[in-house]
C-alpha atoms as a PDB file:
ATOM      1  CA  MET A   1      -4.027  12.197 -14.720  1.00  0.00           C
ATOM      2  CA  PRO A   2      -3.799   9.372 -17.253  1.00  0.00           C
ATOM      3  CA  GLY A   3      -0.288   8.178 -17.995  1.00  0.00           C
ATOM      4  CA  MET A   4       1.222   9.935 -14.993  1.00  0.00           C
ATOM      5  CA  TYR A   5       2.257   8.379 -11.698  1.00  0.00           C
ATOM      6  CA  VAL A   6       2.251   9.900  -8.253  1.00  0.00           C
ATOM      7  CA  TYR A   7       4.570   8.515  -5.624  1.00  0.00           C
ATOM      8  CA  ILE A   8       5.870   9.390  -2.185  1.00  0.00           C
ATOM      9  CA  GLU A   9       9.630   9.864  -2.022  1.00  0.00           C
ATOM     10  CA  ALA A  10      10.116   8.728   1.565  1.00  0.00           C
ATOM     11  CA  LEU A  11      13.691   9.991   1.833  1.00  0.00           C
ATOM     12  CA  HIS A  12      12.729  13.615   1.208  1.00  0.00           C
ATOM     13  CA  CYS A  13       9.086  14.168   2.098  1.00  0.00           C
ATOM     14  CA  GLY A  14       5.837  12.543   3.006  1.00  0.00           C
ATOM     15  CA  SER A  15       3.809  12.043   6.129  1.00  0.00           C
ATOM     16  CA  ILE A  16       3.639   9.100   8.473  1.00  0.00           C
ATOM     17  CA  THR A  17       1.899   7.191   5.648  1.00  0.00           C
ATOM     18  CA  ARG A  18       5.283   6.629   4.007  1.00  0.00           C
ATOM     19  CA  PHE A  19       5.923   3.969   6.649  1.00  0.00           C
ATOM     20  CA  MET A  20       2.923   1.809   5.700  1.00  0.00           C
ATOM     21  CA  SER A  21       3.913  -1.722   4.781  1.00  0.00           C
ATOM     22  CA  HIS A  22       2.757  -3.769   1.798  1.00  0.00           C
ATOM     23  CA  PHE A  23       0.125  -6.434   2.268  1.00  0.00           C
ATOM     24  CA  CYS A  24      -1.860  -8.136  -0.496  1.00  0.00           C
ATOM     25  CA  ASP A  25      -5.063  -7.897   1.565  1.00  0.00           C
ATOM     26  CA  PRO A  26      -4.653  -4.298   2.801  1.00  0.00           C
ATOM     27  CA  ASN A  27      -6.819  -2.204   5.102  1.00  0.00           C
ATOM     28  CA  VAL A  28      -5.870   1.145   3.493  1.00  0.00           C
ATOM     29  CA  GLU A  29      -5.659   2.368  -0.099  1.00  0.00           C
ATOM     30  CA  PHE A  30      -4.000   5.441  -1.526  1.00  0.00           C
ATOM     31  CA  ALA A  31      -6.138   7.930  -3.448  1.00  0.00           C
ATOM     32  CA  GLU A  32      -5.016  10.944  -5.474  1.00  0.00           C
ATOM     33  CA  MET A  33      -6.737  14.301  -5.085  1.00  0.00           C
ATOM     34  CA  GLN A  34      -6.117  17.298  -7.338  1.00  0.00           C
ATOM     35  CA  ASN A  35      -5.929  20.547  -5.375  1.00  0.00           C
ATOM     36  CA  GLY A  36      -5.315  23.351  -7.859  1.00  0.00           C
ATOM     37  CA  LYS A  37      -1.882  22.644  -9.336  1.00  0.00           C
ATOM     38  CA  ASP A  38      -0.948  20.282  -6.516  1.00  0.00           C
ATOM     39  CA  VAL A  39      -1.698  16.591  -6.253  1.00  0.00           C
ATOM     40  CA  LYS A  40      -2.300  15.209  -2.776  1.00  0.00           C
ATOM     41  CA  VAL A  41      -2.056  11.537  -1.880  1.00  0.00           C
ATOM     42  CA  LEU A  42      -4.591  10.476   0.734  1.00  0.00           C
ATOM     43  CA  ALA A  43      -4.748   7.290   2.779  1.00  0.00           C
ATOM     44  CA  ARG A  44      -8.322   5.973   2.793  1.00  0.00           C
ATOM     45  CA  MET A  45      -9.482   3.174   5.099  1.00  0.00           C
ATOM     46  CA  ILE A  46     -11.096   0.305   3.182  1.00  0.00           C
ATOM     47  CA  LYS A  47     -11.651  -1.960   6.196  1.00  0.00           C
ATOM     48  CA  THR A  48     -12.638  -1.369   9.773  1.00  0.00           C
ATOM     49  CA  VAL A  49      -9.655  -1.857  12.078  1.00  0.00           C
ATOM     50  CA  LYS A  50      -9.204  -1.877  15.834  1.00  0.00           C
ATOM     51  CA  PRO A  51      -6.928   0.670  17.534  1.00  0.00           C
ATOM     52  CA  GLY A  52      -3.312  -0.473  17.390  1.00  0.00           C
ATOM     53  CA  THR A  53      -3.756  -2.487  14.176  1.00  0.00           C
ATOM     54  CA  GLN A  54      -0.961  -2.042  11.643  1.00  0.00           C
ATOM     55  CA  LEU A  55      -2.103  -0.065   8.596  1.00  0.00           C
ATOM     56  CA  THR A  56      -1.145  -1.733   5.314  1.00  0.00           C
ATOM     57  CA  VAL A  57      -1.466  -0.907   1.626  1.00  0.00           C
ATOM     58  CA  ASN A  58      -1.085  -2.909  -1.564  1.00  0.00           C
ATOM     59  CA  TYR A  59       1.899  -1.492  -3.465  1.00  0.00           C
ATOM     60  CA  GLY A  60       0.264  -2.512  -6.747  1.00  0.00           C
ATOM     61  CA  ASP A  61       0.838  -4.852  -9.661  1.00  0.00           C
ATOM     62  CA  GLU A  62       4.272  -3.511 -10.523  1.00  0.00           C
ATOM     63  CA  ILE A  63       5.840  -5.116  -7.477  1.00  0.00           C
ATOM     64  CA  TRP A  64       9.576  -4.575  -7.214  1.00  0.00           C
ATOM     65  CA  PHE A  65      10.150  -7.178  -4.525  1.00  0.00           C
ATOM     66  CA  ASN A  66       9.085 -10.729  -3.683  1.00  0.00           C
ATOM     67  CA  CYS A  67       6.037 -10.434  -1.490  1.00  0.00           C
ATOM     68  CA  ALA A  68       6.219 -12.522   1.685  1.00  0.00           C
ATOM     69  CA  CYS A  69       2.809 -11.764   3.192  1.00  0.00           C
ATOM     70  CA  ASP A  70       0.749 -14.726   4.392  1.00  0.00           C
ATOM     71  CA  SER A  71      -1.499 -14.765   1.327  1.00  0.00           C
ATOM     72  CA  CYS A  72       1.493 -14.915  -1.079  1.00  0.00           C
ATOM     73  CA  TRP A  73       3.947 -17.039   0.898  1.00  0.00           C
ATOM     74  CA  VAL A  74       3.312 -20.710   0.230  1.00  0.00           C
ATOM     75  CA  ASP A  75       5.720 -23.276   1.592  1.00  0.00           C
ATOM     76  CA  PRO A  76       5.919 -26.074  -1.029  1.00  0.00           C
ATOM     77  CA  ASP A  77       5.742 -28.621   1.823  1.00  0.00           C
ATOM     78  CA  ASP A  78       2.420 -27.132   2.977  1.00  0.00           C
ATOM     79  CA  GLU A  79       0.646 -27.246  -0.398  1.00  0.00           C
ATOM     80  CA  GLU A  80      -2.341 -29.557  -0.576  1.00  0.00           C
ATOM     81  CA  GLU A  81      -2.311 -32.106  -3.348  1.00  0.00           C
END
């Protein structure tokens, strides 16, 4: 569906996947699947994880918050010169 966006409105619907947190190096990705007139959003594992591991997704390039995951958070005092 070019030019159209699918999203999960967590206040009104969605499965347990609506609670997945952002991480820039995620272990899950969302995939869209057309099912007749409906569009389903699936969570697909992209890494092998151990039981109990938090499932994370990358929210995408249009980030609406300042990411604070380990790969994005750089303390200026810790930068190598």
